[in-house]
Amino acid sequence: MPISWNKILNQNVNQTTLNSKIEYFVEGVEYFQHLTSSIQKTTRKGDFIYILGWMLDINFNLVPDDESTKLSNLLLNAVKQGVAVRVLLWDNPLYYKKNIYAINFLNELAENNKKFDVIALTDNVVYRPLVASKAIASLKSKLPIPKNWFGDLFIELLTSVIDLPSSLAPIKKLFAIDNVASHHEKVVLIQNADGLRAYCGGMDINKNRLFSQFDVQCCIHSDGAEQIFKKFSVRWKGIEYKWNNNPLTRHFKLPKIYFPQAMYNPDNNNEYPMMGVIGTYNTPKNFRKNINDRTAKRTLLAIIENTKDYIYIEDQYIISLEIAKALHKALRKGLKKLIILTQDSELAKPDLIFPYRARRKFYQTLKYGRIPNRNTLEKTSSIAEFDKKVRVYQIAPAHKQFYSWREVVHSKLLIADDEIMTMGSFNCNYRSLEVDSETGIVIYEPNKDSVFSIRNFKRKLFSRYYLGPLRNDKEIADLMEDPFNWPDVTITICPLNFFGEDKDIEINKFLRAYAARESKMMDEASKNPKYDQLSNIPSLNIIEKCDELAKYTLTKEFEDLVWDIVEAHYGPKNL
């Protein structure tokens, strides 16, 4: 009996739409060219460009070698013609400079010309799960730093906006109290003469999508785009709430967002797939209407539970134990194939700190249904023929000689049985499915032979792993029929190494450089006539204190402490 995906979607998605045209983009070059063309078509009052982003870089050529396609130039030309521009970015500590540059540039346009209908804002009103707050308090209390001027200075340092080594980025995230969670969406909405278009997926407007990352994005037309617009509207209401309740801003009217000029009728074309908008969202505290959107997680779990033949996943992290448990259960019920593509664990360290440890727990849960300890491992039964059913791949380090611009898997994608697919900003981790703001779509394709079918998208997707396009139908068929042989027929894929070691957090060198700078500043301050005002500062040998902390960060105790914090932050141990 065929699966009723439509019924399953209706049970897990807020609203499904009928037959919306969807265009798929594999890698940034293709996406940015299409986005540029859509923006250039916004030429009249009533058109708009709305951006909902985790970060935003407006200062690179969306189309290589064409200066006019810098987003700053495209948006300037648009507002000159009466187009409304609204930009809402997460208050991102890792891309602070790029975000602030974009926001200042756009808001200065409005300040210099009152006719320009443009505003850009940051949003740090995020959901904070209690477990994350407790984790941060625990980390602060256990670090061996004095509870005085230097200790406060070190905490301030980690929450500042200065450039830090990538190995410190996750610790900085943990300390940044207002940024326990993030607004992680990658959405662009454009109203022009062609109607309403919505872009969503895994691609930020960032130069690295052109050169270093595997990623996917889509453009949704008509009624489906209307559903993405409603997600943007909810986020905008959240920032309005913050704006109106802040004494510094409530006296100034926040510019409104314009609704699409017409509510779109479904395309009613059987060539087009059915779709629904899914995601994760938590309204600000005390907001007048409480929203706890978990449609991304519910949909992923429903697809995993009901798939019969195969599941293919691309994901940046692949560490959610809840997803691992669901996949384990599906394999026991008879799921025939599970293929996962992720990034090299070494490349994941800036975000996960201990990727090998986190991924081993995912792998153990996938294989055994739980995390066995050393005493019970031999007694724990795994899935029959597990190694024949499951493959977890990464981009091979050796591929760089051929694909020097592609090394990171950033896509967030699930395909099942050539019939249903999810694509969006949500990773396979606790934060994306419970905490952060995320937007994506689920696509159900009853017509597998359509030119817009998931099967055709998959063919385009898999072509990335050759040195060039797949050369003939047989190669395409072989790759799609037997993905377990990918390492043999592609140059870019190899099995993921679950059993590497997490190296020490590289904090020592950074701390010594910081200590030397602070000592120099103290020496200069001592020559200042106002130095007596600093007499309340304890007498500290700053280099000695930094050395003390640096040595501690190289111990197993510190590694276990940070792991506990990270695990609590990304998901409960026994999830």
Protein backbone atom coordinates (compact mmCIF):
# COMPACT_ATOMS: atom_id res chain seq x y z
CA MET A 1 0.00 0.00 0.00
CA PRO A 2 1.57 3.34 -1.03
CA ILE A 3 2.44 5.83 1.67
CA SER A 4 0.03 8.74 2.02
CA TRP A 5 2.63 11.49 2.32
CA ASN A 6 -0.06 14.12 1.92
CA LYS A 7 -1.83 12.84 5.04
CA ILE A 8 1.46 12.68 6.98
CA LEU A 9 2.31 16.25 5.96
CA ASN A 10 -1.07 17.55 7.01
CA GLN A 11 -0.48 16.06 10.47
CA ASN A 12 2.95 17.69 10.91
CA VAL A 13 3.04 20.88 8.83
CA ASN A 14 1.08 24.02 9.69
CA GLN A 15 -0.16 24.47 6.13
CA THR A 16 0.50 22.63 2.87
CA THR A 17 0.14 24.24 -0.53
CA LEU A 18 -0.94 22.81 -3.85
CA ASN A 19 1.50 22.50 -6.73
CA SER A 20 3.98 25.35 -6.30
CA LYS A 21 6.78 25.81 -8.78
CA ILE A 22 10.17 25.30 -7.10
CA GLU A 23 13.60 25.86 -8.65
CA TYR A 24 16.60 24.16 -7.04
CA PHE A 25 20.15 25.54 -6.87
CA VAL A 26 23.23 23.44 -6.24
CA GLU A 27 26.11 25.67 -5.03
CA GLY A 28 26.29 29.44 -4.67
CA VAL A 29 27.19 30.50 -8.23
CA GLU A 30 23.84 29.33 -9.58
CA TYR A 31 21.85 30.72 -6.64
CA PHE A 32 23.51 34.14 -6.62
CA GLN A 33 22.99 34.60 -10.38
CA HIS A 34 19.27 33.88 -9.99
CA LEU A 35 19.00 36.14 -6.92
CA THR A 36 20.77 38.97 -8.77
CA SER A 37 18.34 38.71 -11.66
CA SER A 38 15.32 38.81 -9.33
CA ILE A 39 16.63 41.89 -7.48
CA GLN A 40 17.35 43.70 -10.75
CA LYS A 41 13.68 43.22 -11.71
CA THR A 42 12.49 45.22 -8.66
CA THR A 43 11.95 48.53 -10.44
CA ARG A 44 8.83 50.17 -9.06
CA LYS A 45 7.08 51.37 -5.94
CA GLY A 46 5.25 48.41 -4.41
CA ASP A 47 8.10 46.01 -5.10
CA PHE A 48 10.11 44.88 -2.10
CA ILE A 49 13.20 42.97 -0.98
CA TYR A 50 13.11 41.37 2.49
CA ILE A 51 16.12 39.54 3.93
CA LEU A 52 16.06 37.33 7.00
CA GLY A 53 19.60 36.25 7.80
CA TRP A 54 22.06 34.67 10.19
CA MET A 55 24.66 36.95 8.62
CA LEU A 56 24.94 39.20 5.56
CA ASP A 57 27.87 40.25 3.39
CA ILE A 58 26.91 43.00 0.95
CA ASN A 59 30.43 43.70 -0.27
CA PHE A 60 31.31 40.93 -2.75
CA ASN A 61 30.29 40.28 -6.35
CA LEU A 62 27.32 37.92 -6.45
CA VAL A 63 28.25 37.30 -10.07
CA PRO A 64 32.05 36.95 -10.24
CA ASP A 65 33.89 39.79 -12.05
CA ASP A 66 30.80 42.00 -12.14
CA GLU A 67 31.09 44.89 -9.65
CA SER A 68 27.52 45.97 -10.30
CA THR A 69 26.28 42.77 -8.65
CA LYS A 70 27.55 43.60 -5.19
CA LEU A 71 24.47 43.47 -2.99
CA SER A 72 25.21 47.01 -1.78
CA ASN A 73 24.95 48.26 -5.39
CA LEU A 74 21.86 46.19 -6.17
CA LEU A 75 20.00 47.42 -3.08
CA LEU A 76 21.03 51.03 -3.70
CA ASN A 77 19.65 50.89 -7.24
CA ALA A 78 16.45 49.30 -5.95
CA VAL A 79 15.68 51.89 -3.25
CA LYS A 80 16.35 54.70 -5.75
CA GLN A 81 13.38 53.33 -7.72
CA GLY A 82 11.05 53.24 -4.72
CA VAL A 83 11.57 49.60 -3.76
CA ALA A 84 11.08 48.81 -0.05
CA VAL A 85 14.01 47.03 1.64
CA ARG A 86 13.76 45.31 5.04
CA VAL A 87 16.71 43.45 6.54
CA LEU A 88 16.57 41.53 9.83
CA LEU A 89 19.79 39.86 10.97
CA TRP A 90 20.75 37.91 14.05
CA ASP A 91 23.02 39.82 16.41
CA ASN A 92 25.82 37.48 15.37
CA PRO A 93 29.09 37.72 17.37
CA LEU A 94 30.98 35.72 14.73
CA TYR A 95 30.05 37.96 11.79
CA TYR A 96 29.66 41.20 13.71
CA LYS A 97 31.77 43.31 11.35
CA LYS A 98 30.02 42.20 8.16
CA ASN A 99 26.55 42.55 9.71
CA ILE A 100 27.23 45.99 11.17
CA TYR A 101 28.71 47.16 7.87
CA ALA A 102 25.55 46.05 6.04
CA ILE A 103 23.21 47.58 8.61
CA ASN A 104 25.05 50.91 8.76
CA PHE A 105 25.24 51.14 4.97
CA LEU A 106 21.50 50.55 4.52
CA ASN A 107 20.34 52.79 7.39
CA GLU A 108 22.59 55.62 6.19
CA LEU A 109 20.77 55.49 2.86
CA ALA A 110 17.52 56.27 4.67
CA GLU A 111 19.14 58.96 6.82
CA ASN A 112 20.57 60.72 3.78
CA ASN A 113 17.40 60.56 1.72
CA LYS A 114 14.03 60.47 3.49
CA LYS A 115 12.36 59.10 0.35
CA PHE A 116 14.30 55.85 0.56
CA ASP A 117 12.13 53.15 2.10
CA VAL A 118 14.79 51.03 3.80
CA ILE A 119 15.63 49.82 7.30
CA ALA A 120 18.05 47.18 8.59
CA LEU A 121 17.95 45.79 12.13
CA THR A 122 19.69 43.22 14.31
CA ASP A 123 17.71 40.88 16.54
CA ASN A 124 19.13 39.31 19.70
CA VAL A 125 15.77 38.39 21.25
CA VAL A 126 16.30 34.66 21.29
CA TYR A 127 14.94 31.66 23.14
CA ARG A 128 17.17 30.45 25.97
CA PRO A 129 16.56 26.88 27.16
CA LEU A 130 17.14 26.48 30.88
CA VAL A 131 19.74 23.76 30.31
CA ALA A 132 21.91 26.18 28.32
CA SER A 133 21.70 28.90 30.99
CA LYS A 134 22.76 26.40 33.65
CA ALA A 135 25.59 25.16 31.44
CA ILE A 136 27.02 28.64 30.98
CA ALA A 137 26.80 29.38 34.71
CA SER A 138 28.61 26.09 35.38
CA LEU A 139 31.41 26.89 32.97
CA LYS A 140 31.91 30.36 34.44
CA SER A 141 32.03 29.01 37.98
CA LYS A 142 34.57 26.28 37.22
CA LEU A 143 37.14 28.14 35.14
CA PRO A 144 40.23 28.90 37.30
CA ILE A 145 40.08 32.65 36.83
CA PRO A 146 40.03 35.08 39.76
CA LYS A 147 36.64 36.52 40.67
CA ASN A 148 37.88 40.09 40.36
CA TRP A 149 38.95 42.61 37.78
CA PHE A 150 40.93 40.18 35.62
CA GLY A 151 38.27 37.51 35.77
CA ASP A 152 35.61 39.99 34.68
CA LEU A 153 37.92 41.25 31.95
CA PHE A 154 38.43 37.75 30.59
CA ILE A 155 34.68 37.13 30.48
CA GLU A 156 34.23 40.46 28.72
CA LEU A 157 36.94 39.50 26.28
CA LEU A 158 35.14 36.31 25.28
CA THR A 159 31.89 38.20 24.71
CA SER A 160 33.51 41.05 22.78
CA VAL A 161 33.44 41.56 19.05
CA ILE A 162 37.18 41.36 18.45
CA ASP A 163 38.56 38.70 16.13
CA LEU A 164 39.36 35.46 17.96
CA PRO A 165 40.96 32.22 16.83
CA SER A 166 38.38 29.88 15.32
CA SER A 167 39.03 27.39 18.11
CA LEU A 168 37.62 29.93 20.59
CA ALA A 169 34.46 30.67 18.63
CA PRO A 170 32.25 28.07 20.38
CA ILE A 171 33.44 29.16 23.84
CA LYS A 172 32.70 32.72 22.84
CA LYS A 173 29.20 31.64 21.82
CA LEU A 174 28.66 29.99 25.20
CA PHE A 175 29.70 33.12 27.08
CA ALA A 176 27.73 35.55 24.95
CA ILE A 177 24.70 35.70 27.21
CA ASP A 178 22.36 37.28 24.67
CA ASN A 179 23.39 34.78 22.04
CA VAL A 180 22.73 31.39 23.62
CA ALA A 181 20.45 30.70 20.67
CA SER A 182 20.49 32.22 17.22
CA HIS A 183 18.23 33.32 14.40
CA HIS A 184 19.67 30.98 11.80
CA GLU A 185 17.35 31.51 8.82
CA LYS A 186 18.56 32.17 5.26
CA VAL A 187 15.49 33.70 3.62
CA VAL A 188 15.11 36.30 0.86
CA LEU A 189 11.67 37.46 -0.31
CA ILE A 190 11.33 39.48 -3.51
CA GLN A 191 8.21 41.06 -5.00
CA ASN A 192 8.71 42.24 -8.59
CA ALA A 193 6.89 42.24 -11.91
CA ASP A 194 7.07 38.42 -11.98
CA GLY A 195 5.22 38.16 -8.66
CA LEU A 196 6.42 36.96 -5.27
CA ARG A 197 9.52 34.76 -4.99
CA ALA A 198 10.94 33.24 -1.80
CA TYR A 199 14.46 31.84 -1.49
CA CYS A 200 15.35 29.53 1.36
CA GLY A 201 17.80 26.73 2.15
CA GLY A 202 21.27 26.57 3.64
CA MET A 203 22.94 29.48 1.84
CA ASP A 204 23.76 32.72 3.59
CA ILE A 205 24.66 35.62 1.33
CA ASN A 206 28.34 35.02 1.98
CA LYS A 207 31.32 34.88 -0.36
CA ASN A 208 32.32 31.41 0.86
CA ARG A 209 29.26 29.95 -0.90
CA LEU A 210 31.02 30.70 -4.17
CA PHE A 211 34.29 28.99 -3.36
CA SER A 212 34.41 26.63 -0.39
CA GLN A 213 31.07 25.05 0.49
CA PHE A 214 28.68 22.41 -0.82
CA ASP A 215 25.23 23.87 -0.26
CA VAL A 216 21.69 23.96 -1.67
CA GLN A 217 18.97 26.61 -1.96
CA CYS A 218 15.62 26.87 -3.69
CA CYS A 219 13.32 29.51 -5.15
CA ILE A 220 9.60 29.08 -4.42
CA HIS A 221 6.91 30.71 -6.51
CA SER A 222 3.28 31.67 -5.98
CA ASP A 223 1.35 30.24 -3.05
CA GLY A 224 4.40 28.56 -1.53
CA ALA A 225 6.23 31.88 -1.41
CA GLU A 226 3.24 33.32 0.42
CA GLN A 227 3.80 30.80 3.24
CA ILE A 228 7.47 31.85 3.57
CA PHE A 229 6.30 35.46 3.72
CA LYS A 230 4.11 34.60 6.71
CA LYS A 231 7.21 33.29 8.51
CA PHE A 232 8.96 36.60 7.84
CA SER A 233 5.90 38.45 9.12
CA VAL A 234 6.04 36.57 12.44
CA ARG A 235 9.71 37.47 12.90
CA TRP A 236 9.00 41.11 12.06
CA LYS A 237 6.25 41.21 14.68
CA GLY A 238 8.79 39.90 17.17
CA ILE A 239 11.17 42.78 16.44
CA GLU A 240 8.24 45.23 16.60
CA TYR A 241 7.48 43.93 20.08
CA LYS A 242 11.10 44.50 21.14
CA TRP A 243 11.14 47.92 19.48
CA ASN A 244 7.90 49.12 21.12
CA ASN A 245 8.98 47.93 24.58
CA ASN A 246 12.41 49.56 24.52
CA PRO A 247 12.41 53.09 26.09
CA LEU A 248 15.08 54.16 23.59
CA THR A 249 13.09 53.23 20.48
CA ARG A 250 9.41 53.13 21.38
CA HIS A 251 8.94 56.83 20.52
CA PHE A 252 10.03 56.18 16.93
CA LYS A 253 7.72 54.38 14.56
CA LEU A 254 9.20 51.22 13.09
CA PRO A 255 8.61 51.10 9.32
CA LYS A 256 5.94 48.61 8.34
CA ILE A 257 6.34 45.64 6.06
CA TYR A 258 4.27 45.56 2.90
CA PHE A 259 2.22 42.51 2.11
CA PRO A 260 2.33 40.98 -1.38
CA GLN A 261 0.15 42.82 -3.85
CA ALA A 262 -2.12 39.84 -4.40
CA MET A 263 -2.81 36.55 -2.69
CA TYR A 264 -1.69 33.95 -5.18
CA ASN A 265 -3.80 31.11 -6.43
CA PRO A 266 -2.15 27.70 -6.65
CA ASP A 267 -0.51 27.02 -10.00
CA ASN A 268 -2.63 23.87 -10.38
CA ASN A 269 0.05 22.29 -12.53
CA ASN A 270 0.65 18.62 -11.89
CA GLU A 271 4.22 19.10 -13.04
CA TYR A 272 4.87 21.02 -9.81
CA PRO A 273 5.28 19.38 -6.39
CA MET A 274 3.20 19.89 -3.28
CA MET A 275 5.03 21.61 -0.44
CA GLY A 276 4.77 22.93 3.09
CA VAL A 277 6.84 25.41 5.08
CA ILE A 278 8.53 23.97 8.18
CA GLY A 279 10.95 25.26 10.79
CA THR A 280 11.72 26.06 14.41
CA TYR A 281 10.71 29.22 16.24
CA ASN A 282 10.11 30.45 19.80
CA THR A 283 8.49 33.83 20.36
CA PRO A 284 10.19 36.35 22.68
CA LYS A 285 9.41 36.14 26.38
CA ASN A 286 6.11 37.86 27.31
CA PHE A 287 5.17 38.15 23.64
CA ARG A 288 1.41 38.56 23.22
CA LYS A 289 1.08 35.31 21.27
CA ASN A 290 3.16 32.30 22.25
CA ILE A 291 4.54 30.30 19.30
CA ASN A 292 6.63 27.18 19.72
CA ASP A 293 7.12 25.92 16.18
CA ARG A 294 8.65 22.41 15.95
CA THR A 295 7.44 21.53 12.46
CA ALA A 296 10.98 20.84 11.19
CA LYS A 297 11.58 18.17 13.83
CA ARG A 298 8.10 16.65 13.55
CA THR A 299 8.39 16.41 9.77
CA LEU A 300 11.86 14.84 9.82
CA LEU A 301 10.75 12.24 12.37
CA ALA A 302 7.57 11.47 10.39
CA ILE A 303 9.52 10.97 7.15
CA ILE A 304 12.07 8.72 8.86
CA GLU A 305 9.31 6.62 10.43
CA ASN A 306 7.42 6.08 7.17
CA THR A 307 10.17 5.65 4.56
CA LYS A 308 10.45 2.14 3.11
CA ASP A 309 13.40 2.08 0.70
CA TYR A 310 16.15 4.64 1.28
CA ILE A 311 16.98 7.88 3.12
CA TYR A 312 19.74 10.21 1.92
CA ILE A 313 20.90 12.99 4.28
CA GLU A 314 23.32 15.87 3.78
CA ASP A 315 24.11 17.73 7.00
CA GLN A 316 26.81 19.96 8.43
CA TYR A 317 26.85 18.41 11.93
CA ILE A 318 24.88 15.14 12.13
CA ILE A 319 24.89 14.88 15.95
CA SER A 320 21.22 14.78 17.01
CA LEU A 321 20.68 11.69 19.16
CA GLU A 322 16.92 11.99 18.71
CA ILE A 323 17.34 11.71 14.93
CA ALA A 324 19.83 8.84 15.43
CA LYS A 325 17.28 6.94 17.54
CA ALA A 326 14.58 7.45 14.91
CA LEU A 327 16.89 6.21 12.14
CA HIS A 328 17.87 3.19 14.26
CA LYS A 329 14.20 2.30 14.72
CA ALA A 330 13.51 2.71 10.98
CA LEU A 331 16.43 0.40 10.11
CA ARG A 332 15.10 -2.23 12.50
CA LYS A 333 11.66 -1.95 10.87
CA GLY A 334 13.10 -2.61 7.42
CA LEU A 335 14.57 0.60 5.94
CA LYS A 336 16.89 -0.75 3.23
CA LYS A 337 19.48 2.01 2.82
CA LEU A 338 20.73 5.00 4.81
CA ILE A 339 23.33 7.28 3.25
CA ILE A 340 24.68 10.33 5.10
CA LEU A 341 27.09 12.95 3.73
CA THR A 342 28.69 15.40 6.15
CA GLN A 343 31.86 17.42 6.48
CA ASP A 344 35.25 16.27 7.75
CA SER A 345 35.26 16.27 11.55
CA GLU A 346 38.40 18.40 11.56
CA LEU A 347 36.51 21.12 9.68
CA ALA A 348 33.63 20.91 12.18
CA LYS A 349 35.79 21.81 15.18
CA PRO A 350 35.12 25.59 15.14
CA ASP A 351 31.44 24.82 15.78
CA LEU A 352 31.40 21.54 17.70
CA ILE A 353 34.73 21.69 19.63
CA PHE A 354 34.69 17.90 20.10
CA PRO A 355 33.21 16.58 16.83
CA TYR A 356 34.69 13.08 17.12
CA ARG A 357 33.16 12.57 20.54
CA ALA A 358 29.78 13.99 19.47
CA ARG A 359 29.66 11.97 16.25
CA ARG A 360 30.71 8.75 17.93
CA LYS A 361 27.68 9.12 20.19
CA PHE A 362 25.50 9.66 17.11
CA TYR A 363 27.02 6.57 15.43
CA GLN A 364 26.60 4.41 18.53
CA THR A 365 22.97 5.50 18.91
CA LEU A 366 22.36 4.86 15.21
CA LYS A 367 23.84 1.36 15.45
CA TYR A 368 22.66 0.21 18.90
CA GLY A 369 19.71 2.49 19.68
CA ARG A 370 21.53 3.93 22.69
CA ILE A 371 25.04 4.80 23.86
CA PRO A 372 26.52 1.62 25.35
CA ASN A 373 29.17 1.87 28.02
CA ARG A 374 32.33 -0.21 27.99
CA ASN A 375 30.84 -2.89 30.25
CA THR A 376 27.75 -3.48 28.11
CA LEU A 377 29.09 -2.93 24.57
CA GLU A 378 29.67 -6.63 23.88
CA LYS A 379 26.19 -7.49 25.12
CA THR A 380 24.49 -4.77 23.05
CA SER A 381 23.00 -6.00 19.79
CA SER A 382 23.25 -3.87 16.68
CA ILE A 383 21.02 -3.86 13.61
CA ALA A 384 21.35 -6.97 11.44
CA GLU A 385 23.64 -6.30 8.47
CA PHE A 386 24.19 -2.73 9.68
CA ASP A 387 27.33 -2.29 7.57
CA LYS A 388 25.41 -3.32 4.45
CA LYS A 389 22.58 -0.87 5.08
CA VAL A 390 24.37 2.25 6.34
CA ARG A 391 27.07 4.48 4.89
CA VAL A 392 28.30 7.76 6.40
CA TYR A 393 30.56 9.73 4.05
CA GLN A 394 32.58 12.93 4.15
CA ILE A 395 34.28 15.00 1.47
CA ALA A 396 37.69 13.37 1.04
CA PRO A 397 40.65 15.57 2.08
CA ALA A 398 42.52 14.35 -1.01
CA HIS A 399 39.92 15.92 -3.30
CA LYS A 400 41.38 19.41 -2.77
CA GLN A 401 43.82 18.99 -5.64
CA PHE A 402 40.78 18.85 -7.93
CA TYR A 403 38.15 20.81 -5.97
CA SER A 404 40.24 23.37 -4.13
CA TRP A 405 37.16 25.58 -3.66
CA ARG A 406 34.94 22.89 -2.13
CA GLU A 407 35.68 21.39 1.29
CA VAL A 408 32.74 22.04 3.62
CA VAL A 409 29.33 20.36 3.49
CA HIS A 410 26.93 23.07 4.65
CA SER A 411 23.72 21.76 3.09
CA LYS A 412 20.78 20.62 5.25
CA LEU A 413 18.89 18.13 3.15
CA LEU A 414 16.92 14.89 3.44
CA ILE A 415 15.60 12.86 0.47
CA ALA A 416 13.45 9.73 0.93
CA ASP A 417 12.37 7.23 -1.74
CA ASP A 418 12.49 9.85 -4.54
CA GLU A 419 9.10 10.99 -3.21
CA ILE A 420 9.66 13.47 -0.40
CA MET A 421 12.42 15.90 0.53
CA THR A 422 13.25 18.55 3.14
CA MET A 423 15.57 21.49 2.56
CA GLY A 424 16.25 24.45 4.82
CA SER A 425 18.48 26.11 7.39
CA PHE A 426 18.05 23.45 10.12
CA ASN A 427 20.94 21.12 10.93
CA CYS A 428 20.67 17.67 12.47
CA ASN A 429 21.34 18.91 16.01
CA TYR A 430 19.38 19.83 19.11
CA ARG A 431 19.74 23.58 18.64
CA SER A 432 18.25 23.62 15.15
CA LEU A 433 15.31 21.40 16.06
CA GLU A 434 14.42 22.96 19.42
CA VAL A 435 16.08 26.33 20.05
CA ASP A 436 17.21 28.40 17.05
CA SER A 437 14.95 30.15 14.54
CA GLU A 438 14.95 28.06 11.34
CA THR A 439 13.03 28.02 8.05
CA GLY A 440 12.77 25.34 5.39
CA ILE A 441 10.36 23.44 3.19
CA VAL A 442 9.13 19.89 2.75
CA ILE A 443 8.40 18.83 -0.82
CA TYR A 444 6.18 15.91 -1.76
CA GLU A 445 6.47 14.73 -5.37
CA PRO A 446 3.68 12.44 -6.57
CA ASN A 447 4.95 12.70 -10.18
CA LYS A 448 8.45 11.20 -10.21
CA ASP A 449 8.86 11.78 -13.96
CA SER A 450 8.24 15.54 -13.84
CA VAL A 451 11.06 17.85 -14.94
CA PHE A 452 10.71 19.42 -11.48
CA SER A 453 10.92 16.05 -9.74
CA ILE A 454 13.05 15.20 -6.73
CA ARG A 455 14.74 12.52 -8.84
CA ASN A 456 15.97 15.13 -11.34
CA PHE A 457 17.19 17.35 -8.51
CA LYS A 458 19.04 14.36 -7.02
CA ARG A 459 20.76 13.71 -10.35
CA LYS A 460 21.96 17.31 -10.40
CA LEU A 461 23.03 17.05 -6.77
CA PHE A 462 25.07 13.88 -7.21
CA SER A 463 26.87 15.29 -10.26
CA ARG A 464 28.91 17.40 -7.85
CA TYR A 465 31.02 14.44 -6.78
CA TYR A 466 32.62 13.86 -10.17
CA LEU A 467 35.44 15.90 -11.70
CA GLY A 468 32.77 17.17 -14.05
CA PRO A 469 29.15 16.47 -14.97
CA LEU A 470 28.07 12.83 -15.04
CA ARG A 471 29.03 11.69 -18.48
CA ASN A 472 26.21 9.35 -19.47
CA ASP A 473 22.97 7.82 -18.26
CA LYS A 474 24.69 4.65 -17.07
CA GLU A 475 26.98 6.59 -14.71
CA ILE A 476 23.96 8.43 -13.34
CA ALA A 477 22.03 5.19 -12.88
CA ASP A 478 24.97 3.43 -11.22
CA LEU A 479 25.59 6.29 -8.81
CA MET A 480 21.94 6.57 -7.84
CA GLU A 481 21.30 2.84 -7.65
CA ASP A 482 24.30 1.89 -5.52
CA PRO A 483 25.52 4.81 -3.41
CA PHE A 484 27.52 2.36 -1.28
CA ASN A 485 30.10 2.32 -4.07
CA TRP A 486 30.54 6.10 -4.18
CA PRO A 487 34.17 6.09 -2.94
CA ASP A 488 35.03 3.78 -5.84
CA VAL A 489 33.43 5.87 -8.58
CA THR A 490 34.01 9.42 -7.35
CA ILE A 491 37.11 11.38 -6.44
CA THR A 492 35.49 13.43 -3.70
CA ILE A 493 33.84 10.99 -1.28
CA CYS A 494 35.32 8.81 1.45
CA PRO A 495 33.93 7.19 4.64
CA LEU A 496 33.65 9.51 7.64
CA ASN A 497 36.25 8.91 10.31
CA PHE A 498 34.34 8.51 13.57
CA PHE A 499 37.40 7.48 15.52
CA GLY A 500 39.83 10.37 15.34
CA GLU A 501 40.89 12.34 18.39
CA ASP A 502 39.72 15.76 19.49
CA LYS A 503 42.88 17.82 19.90
CA ASP A 504 43.32 20.28 22.74
CA ILE A 505 41.53 23.58 22.44
CA GLU A 506 44.15 25.94 21.08
CA ILE A 507 43.79 28.66 23.67
CA ASN A 508 47.32 28.83 25.12
CA LYS A 509 48.95 30.88 22.35
CA PHE A 510 46.04 33.32 22.26
CA LEU A 511 46.12 33.84 26.03
CA ARG A 512 49.84 34.62 26.10
CA ALA A 513 49.44 37.22 23.34
CA TYR A 514 46.51 38.75 25.21
CA ALA A 515 48.47 38.79 28.49
CA ALA A 516 51.44 40.53 26.87
CA ARG A 517 49.15 43.20 25.45
CA GLU A 518 47.43 43.73 28.80
CA SER A 519 50.79 44.02 30.60
CA LYS A 520 51.90 46.66 28.13
CA MET A 521 48.65 48.58 28.66
CA MET A 522 49.13 48.42 32.45
CA ASP A 523 52.68 49.73 32.12
CA GLU A 524 51.44 52.64 30.04
CA ALA A 525 48.59 53.28 32.48
CA SER A 526 51.05 53.47 35.39
CA LYS A 527 52.66 56.51 33.74
CA ASN A 528 49.30 58.27 33.62
CA PRO A 529 48.69 60.89 36.38
CA LYS A 530 45.26 59.33 36.94
CA TYR A 531 46.79 55.94 37.69
CA ASP A 532 45.86 56.30 41.37
CA GLN A 533 42.25 55.85 40.31
CA LEU A 534 43.14 52.28 39.42
CA SER A 535 44.27 51.48 42.96
CA ASN A 536 41.19 49.32 43.54
CA ILE A 537 42.51 46.84 40.93
CA PRO A 538 44.24 43.90 42.62
CA SER A 539 47.92 43.54 42.00
CA LEU A 540 48.14 40.72 39.46
CA ASN A 541 50.85 39.25 37.34
CA ILE A 542 48.70 39.02 34.25
CA ILE A 543 51.05 36.80 32.26
CA GLU A 544 51.28 34.40 35.19
CA LYS A 545 47.48 34.26 35.49
CA CYS A 546 47.09 33.67 31.77
CA ASP A 547 49.65 30.90 31.95
CA GLU A 548 47.69 29.34 34.82
CA LEU A 549 44.51 29.36 32.76
CA ALA A 550 46.29 28.22 29.60
CA LYS A 551 47.82 25.22 31.35
CA TYR A 552 44.42 24.28 32.74
CA THR A 553 42.87 24.33 29.26
CA LEU A 554 45.33 21.61 28.20
CA THR A 555 44.14 19.19 30.88
CA LYS A 556 41.69 16.32 30.52
CA GLU A 557 39.62 17.91 33.29
CA PHE A 558 39.05 21.04 31.21
CA GLU A 559 38.25 18.98 28.09
CA ASP A 560 35.61 16.99 30.01
CA LEU A 561 34.21 20.17 31.53
CA VAL A 562 33.79 21.91 28.18
CA TRP A 563 32.36 18.72 26.65
CA ASP A 564 29.72 18.59 29.39
CA ILE A 565 28.86 22.22 28.71
CA VAL A 566 28.71 21.75 24.95
CA GLU A 567 26.62 18.61 25.28
CA ALA A 568 24.21 20.36 27.61
CA HIS A 569 24.10 23.29 25.19
CA TYR A 570 23.41 21.20 22.07
CA GLY A 571 21.23 18.57 23.69
CA PRO A 572 20.67 16.60 26.88
CA LYS A 573 22.94 13.58 27.41
CA ASN A 574 20.10 11.09 27.37
CA LEU A 575 18.07 12.66 24.58
